[in-house]
Amino acid sequence: MIFTKIHTKPFGPHAVLVVWPSEVSELILNRILQFENFLKNQCLEGSDWEYVPAYNSLLVVNKKVTLDYLSFSEKLRNWYLNMGEIEPYERYLWRLPVSYEKEFGIDLEELSSQLKIDVDEIIALHTNHIYTVYGIGFLPGFMYLGGLPKLLETTRKDTPRMVVEKGAVGIAGKQTGIYPQESPGGWNIIGNCPVPIFDTTKKEPCFVSVGDQIQFYEVSRAKYNLHRIEVEVGIFQPEKIKIDA
């Protein structure tokens, strides 16, 4: 196995940040998730350890023990170099419904003018692509989805909104994502997803993991309303497809 070079940084008394080259790459993301899987299963077992993967880094945290940075970082580098071939981690493609009606897609007309693309083409481009979950953060369950079509790349809004609705689907830069709860936000809003990405009542509050993929599909307002009801009564299940290694 060819390994991408890593380096480490101290991250407080209980954590070390492992860093890969600063680029958005599925190859690098796969290395990160493989290393996380290796650490969990062969090196740092137990509930005291936590891992936060994102883009080009992996934060390794021990909730109870103060880590000696020099010795622990050396262990991490040696483990990485010697982990060899490991079993692929499980990844899933999630298909999520989105209504792009005007009341939800409040920035669609402005984007259409800015990008010189018809609204229908924006929707088609957004739904025809598959996105990779490169990170989850900012808000619990906020997915940073890479893979936005070049034609849809755009800047954040000059003045962020004080309130963005829960479920709002936005685009900014080279990314798209869903606001998991009402919050301030500066992304361009093009629709709304009725499926809660983060639910504290569930054993696993966020059903999506870094490394998974997302594909959106358009639904009518009537179908959107139906899915909202199905979510409320607990019978809606998003389509889940295992990605072959």
Protein backbone atom coordinates (compact mmCIF):
# COMPACT_ATOMS: atom_id res chain seq x y z
CA MET A 1 0.00 0.00 0.00
CA ILE A 2 1.26 3.48 -0.90
CA PHE A 3 0.82 5.87 2.01
CA THR A 4 0.16 9.57 1.77
CA LYS A 5 2.54 11.43 4.07
CA ILE A 6 1.16 12.61 7.42
CA HIS A 7 2.26 14.89 10.22
CA THR A 8 0.85 15.57 13.67
CA LYS A 9 -0.05 18.56 15.83
CA PRO A 10 -0.83 18.83 19.55
CA PHE A 11 -4.48 19.65 20.15
CA GLY A 12 -4.78 20.31 23.86
CA PRO A 13 -3.84 17.89 26.66
CA HIS A 14 -6.18 15.10 25.56
CA ALA A 15 -5.87 15.06 21.77
CA VAL A 16 -3.51 14.88 18.81
CA LEU A 17 -4.42 16.02 15.29
CA VAL A 18 -3.14 13.83 12.45
CA VAL A 19 -2.89 15.85 9.23
CA TRP A 20 -2.68 14.79 5.57
CA PRO A 21 -1.89 17.04 2.57
CA SER A 22 -4.26 20.02 2.37
CA GLU A 23 -6.42 19.07 -0.59
CA VAL A 24 -9.93 17.78 -1.18
CA SER A 25 -9.35 14.20 -2.30
CA GLU A 26 -11.33 10.99 -1.90
CA LEU A 27 -8.01 9.10 -1.85
CA ILE A 28 -6.92 11.09 1.20
CA LEU A 29 -10.34 10.75 2.84
CA ASN A 30 -10.18 6.98 2.34
CA ARG A 31 -6.72 6.85 3.96
CA ILE A 32 -8.05 8.81 6.94
CA LEU A 33 -11.03 6.51 7.43
CA GLN A 34 -8.90 3.38 7.00
CA PHE A 35 -6.50 4.65 9.66
CA GLU A 36 -9.39 5.48 11.99
CA ASN A 37 -10.74 1.97 11.52
CA PHE A 38 -7.29 0.48 12.18
CA LEU A 39 -6.83 2.51 15.38
CA LYS A 40 -10.27 1.56 16.68
CA ASN A 41 -9.85 -2.15 16.09
CA GLN A 42 -6.17 -2.83 16.70
CA CYS A 43 -4.44 -0.02 18.59
CA LEU A 44 -6.67 2.15 20.76
CA GLU A 45 -9.64 0.04 21.67
CA GLY A 46 -12.13 1.15 24.29
CA SER A 47 -14.78 3.78 24.92
CA ASP A 48 -12.29 6.38 26.21
CA TRP A 49 -11.09 7.07 22.66
CA GLU A 50 -12.90 9.30 20.19
CA TYR A 51 -12.13 10.14 16.56
CA VAL A 52 -13.15 13.11 14.43
CA PRO A 53 -12.34 12.65 10.71
CA ALA A 54 -12.71 15.53 8.24
CA TYR A 55 -11.29 16.40 4.81
CA ASN A 56 -7.54 16.06 5.49
CA SER A 57 -7.31 15.36 9.22
CA LEU A 58 -8.15 12.94 12.00
CA LEU A 59 -8.48 14.17 15.58
CA VAL A 60 -7.62 11.41 18.08
CA VAL A 61 -8.99 12.12 21.56
CA ASN A 62 -8.76 10.40 24.91
CA LYS A 63 -11.51 11.66 27.21
CA LYS A 64 -9.77 10.69 30.46
CA VAL A 65 -5.99 10.49 30.04
CA THR A 66 -3.57 13.34 29.36
CA LEU A 67 -1.51 12.41 26.32
CA ASP A 68 2.25 12.86 26.06
CA TYR A 69 2.37 14.50 22.65
CA LEU A 70 5.88 13.45 21.58
CA SER A 71 5.57 9.77 22.43
CA PHE A 72 1.97 9.40 21.33
CA SER A 73 2.50 11.18 18.00
CA GLU A 74 5.45 8.88 17.29
CA LYS A 75 3.19 5.88 17.96
CA LEU A 76 0.58 7.26 15.59
CA ARG A 77 3.10 7.71 12.79
CA ASN A 78 4.49 4.20 13.29
CA TRP A 79 1.01 2.66 13.37
CA TYR A 80 0.13 4.47 10.17
CA LEU A 81 3.22 3.27 8.35
CA ASN A 82 2.78 -0.31 9.52
CA MET A 83 -0.96 -0.86 9.35
CA GLY A 84 -0.69 -2.77 6.06
CA GLU A 85 -3.76 -3.91 4.14
CA ILE A 86 -6.93 -3.62 6.20
CA GLU A 87 -10.56 -4.50 5.71
CA PRO A 88 -12.57 -1.81 3.87
CA TYR A 89 -14.80 0.29 6.08
CA GLU A 90 -18.54 0.28 5.40
CA ARG A 91 -19.85 3.15 3.29
CA TYR A 92 -23.37 3.94 2.17
CA LEU A 93 -25.11 6.04 -0.45
CA TRP A 94 -28.12 7.85 1.00
CA ARG A 95 -30.82 9.19 -1.35
CA LEU A 96 -32.61 12.16 0.18
CA PRO A 97 -35.73 14.01 -1.05
CA VAL A 98 -35.65 17.77 -1.62
CA SER A 99 -38.40 20.21 -2.54
CA TYR A 100 -37.06 23.02 -4.72
CA GLU A 101 -40.33 25.00 -4.60
CA LYS A 102 -39.88 28.79 -4.56
CA GLU A 103 -40.87 29.09 -0.90
CA PHE A 104 -37.94 26.80 -0.05
CA GLY A 105 -35.48 27.69 -2.82
CA ILE A 106 -35.34 31.33 -1.80
CA ASP A 107 -32.06 31.99 -3.63
CA LEU A 108 -32.79 30.05 -6.81
CA GLU A 109 -33.82 33.05 -8.91
CA GLU A 110 -30.82 35.09 -7.79
CA LEU A 111 -28.48 32.18 -8.49
CA SER A 112 -30.07 31.66 -11.89
CA SER A 113 -29.29 35.26 -12.80
CA GLN A 114 -25.80 35.13 -11.28
CA LEU A 115 -24.78 31.82 -12.86
CA LYS A 116 -26.70 32.41 -16.12
CA ILE A 117 -28.40 29.03 -15.75
CA ASP A 118 -32.13 28.31 -15.77
CA VAL A 119 -33.64 27.30 -12.43
CA ASP A 120 -34.62 23.90 -13.87
CA GLU A 121 -31.01 23.31 -14.92
CA ILE A 122 -29.74 24.23 -11.44
CA ILE A 123 -32.10 21.63 -9.97
CA ALA A 124 -31.10 19.04 -12.57
CA LEU A 125 -27.39 19.60 -11.95
CA HIS A 126 -27.86 19.44 -8.18
CA THR A 127 -29.81 16.17 -8.28
CA ASN A 128 -27.77 14.42 -10.96
CA HIS A 129 -24.54 14.43 -8.97
CA ILE A 130 -23.42 12.22 -6.08
CA TYR A 131 -21.70 13.97 -3.18
CA THR A 132 -19.14 12.70 -0.69
CA VAL A 133 -19.45 13.53 3.01
CA TYR A 134 -16.05 15.08 3.77
CA GLY A 135 -16.90 16.34 7.23
CA ILE A 136 -19.69 16.81 9.77
CA GLY A 137 -19.60 19.93 11.92
CA PHE A 138 -20.48 23.63 12.35
CA LEU A 139 -23.80 22.32 13.70
CA PRO A 140 -24.45 18.74 14.89
CA GLY A 141 -25.24 16.82 11.73
CA PHE A 142 -24.22 19.53 9.25
CA MET A 143 -22.68 17.63 6.34
CA TYR A 144 -19.99 19.22 4.20
CA LEU A 145 -20.67 17.60 0.84
CA GLY A 146 -17.98 17.76 -1.82
CA GLY A 147 -18.52 17.16 -5.51
CA LEU A 148 -20.70 20.12 -6.47
CA PRO A 149 -20.84 20.53 -10.28
CA LYS A 150 -18.47 23.22 -11.55
CA LEU A 151 -21.38 25.15 -13.06
CA LEU A 152 -22.96 25.54 -9.61
CA GLU A 153 -19.89 26.80 -7.77
CA THR A 154 -20.66 30.17 -6.22
CA THR A 155 -19.62 32.39 -3.32
CA ARG A 156 -21.32 32.60 0.04
CA LYS A 157 -23.81 35.40 0.49
CA ASP A 158 -22.22 38.77 1.33
CA THR A 159 -24.51 39.13 4.35
CA PRO A 160 -25.41 35.89 6.15
CA ARG A 161 -29.02 35.41 7.19
CA MET A 162 -29.77 35.51 10.89
CA VAL A 163 -32.22 32.62 10.45
CA VAL A 164 -32.02 29.71 8.00
CA GLU A 165 -34.78 27.12 8.26
CA LYS A 166 -34.17 23.58 9.47
CA GLY A 167 -33.72 21.29 6.45
CA ALA A 168 -32.63 24.11 4.14
CA VAL A 169 -30.40 22.84 1.33
CA GLY A 170 -27.64 25.26 0.41
CA ILE A 171 -24.62 25.64 -1.83
CA ALA A 172 -21.45 27.67 -1.33
CA GLY A 173 -18.02 27.43 -2.94
CA LYS A 174 -17.52 23.85 -4.11
CA GLN A 175 -19.90 22.36 -1.53
CA THR A 176 -23.54 21.67 -0.79
CA GLY A 177 -25.20 20.74 2.49
CA ILE A 178 -28.33 20.62 4.65
CA TYR A 179 -28.91 22.82 7.71
CA PRO A 180 -29.90 20.25 10.39
CA GLN A 181 -31.57 22.88 12.57
CA GLU A 182 -32.64 26.50 12.42
CA SER A 183 -29.55 28.69 12.60
CA PRO A 184 -27.74 31.65 11.07
CA GLY A 185 -26.09 30.87 7.75
CA GLY A 186 -24.53 32.35 4.65
CA TRP A 187 -25.03 29.62 2.05
CA ASN A 188 -27.31 30.08 -0.97
CA ILE A 189 -30.58 28.27 -0.25
CA ILE A 190 -32.06 26.26 -3.12
CA GLY A 191 -34.50 23.86 -1.43
CA ASN A 192 -35.51 21.98 1.70
CA CYS A 193 -35.11 18.36 2.80
CA PRO A 194 -37.85 16.94 5.10
CA VAL A 195 -35.52 14.27 6.54
CA PRO A 196 -33.88 15.22 9.88
CA ILE A 197 -30.13 14.60 9.63
CA PHE A 198 -29.61 14.91 13.40
CA ASP A 199 -32.12 13.55 15.90
CA THR A 200 -31.26 13.41 19.60
CA THR A 201 -34.06 10.90 20.25
CA LYS A 202 -32.22 8.25 18.21
CA LYS A 203 -29.49 5.93 19.50
CA GLU A 204 -27.32 7.18 16.63
CA PRO A 205 -28.38 10.86 16.35
CA CYS A 206 -26.73 11.31 12.94
CA PHE A 207 -27.34 8.41 10.57
CA VAL A 208 -24.75 9.62 8.05
CA SER A 209 -20.99 9.13 8.51
CA VAL A 210 -17.95 10.84 7.01
CA GLY A 211 -17.08 8.91 3.84
CA ASP A 212 -20.71 8.17 2.96
CA GLN A 213 -22.29 9.60 -0.16
CA ILE A 214 -25.46 11.61 -0.70
CA GLN A 215 -27.69 11.95 -3.74
CA PHE A 216 -30.67 14.30 -3.76
CA TYR A 217 -33.88 13.74 -5.71
CA GLU A 218 -36.61 16.26 -6.40
CA VAL A 219 -40.07 15.87 -4.85
CA SER A 220 -43.25 17.90 -5.22
CA ARG A 221 -44.60 20.00 -2.36
CA ALA A 222 -47.30 17.36 -1.77
CA LYS A 223 -44.68 14.59 -1.55
CA TYR A 224 -42.56 16.79 0.73
CA ASN A 225 -45.54 17.24 3.08
CA LEU A 226 -46.18 13.50 3.06
CA HIS A 227 -42.55 12.77 3.96
CA ARG A 228 -42.75 15.29 6.83
CA ILE A 229 -45.73 13.38 8.24
CA GLU A 230 -43.96 10.03 7.73
CA VAL A 231 -40.93 11.39 9.60
CA GLU A 232 -43.10 12.64 12.48
CA VAL A 233 -44.80 9.25 12.96
CA GLY A 234 -41.50 7.40 12.56
CA ILE A 235 -42.17 5.41 9.39
CA PHE A 236 -39.96 7.23 6.88
CA GLN A 237 -36.67 5.50 6.09
CA PRO A 238 -34.24 7.14 3.64
CA GLU A 239 -33.03 4.91 0.85
CA LYS A 240 -29.69 3.36 1.83
CA ILE A 241 -27.39 1.60 -0.62
CA LYS A 242 -24.16 -0.09 0.44
CA ILE A 243 -21.18 1.12 -1.59
CA ASP A 244 -18.96 -1.70 -2.79
CA ALA A 245 -15.32 -1.44 -1.69
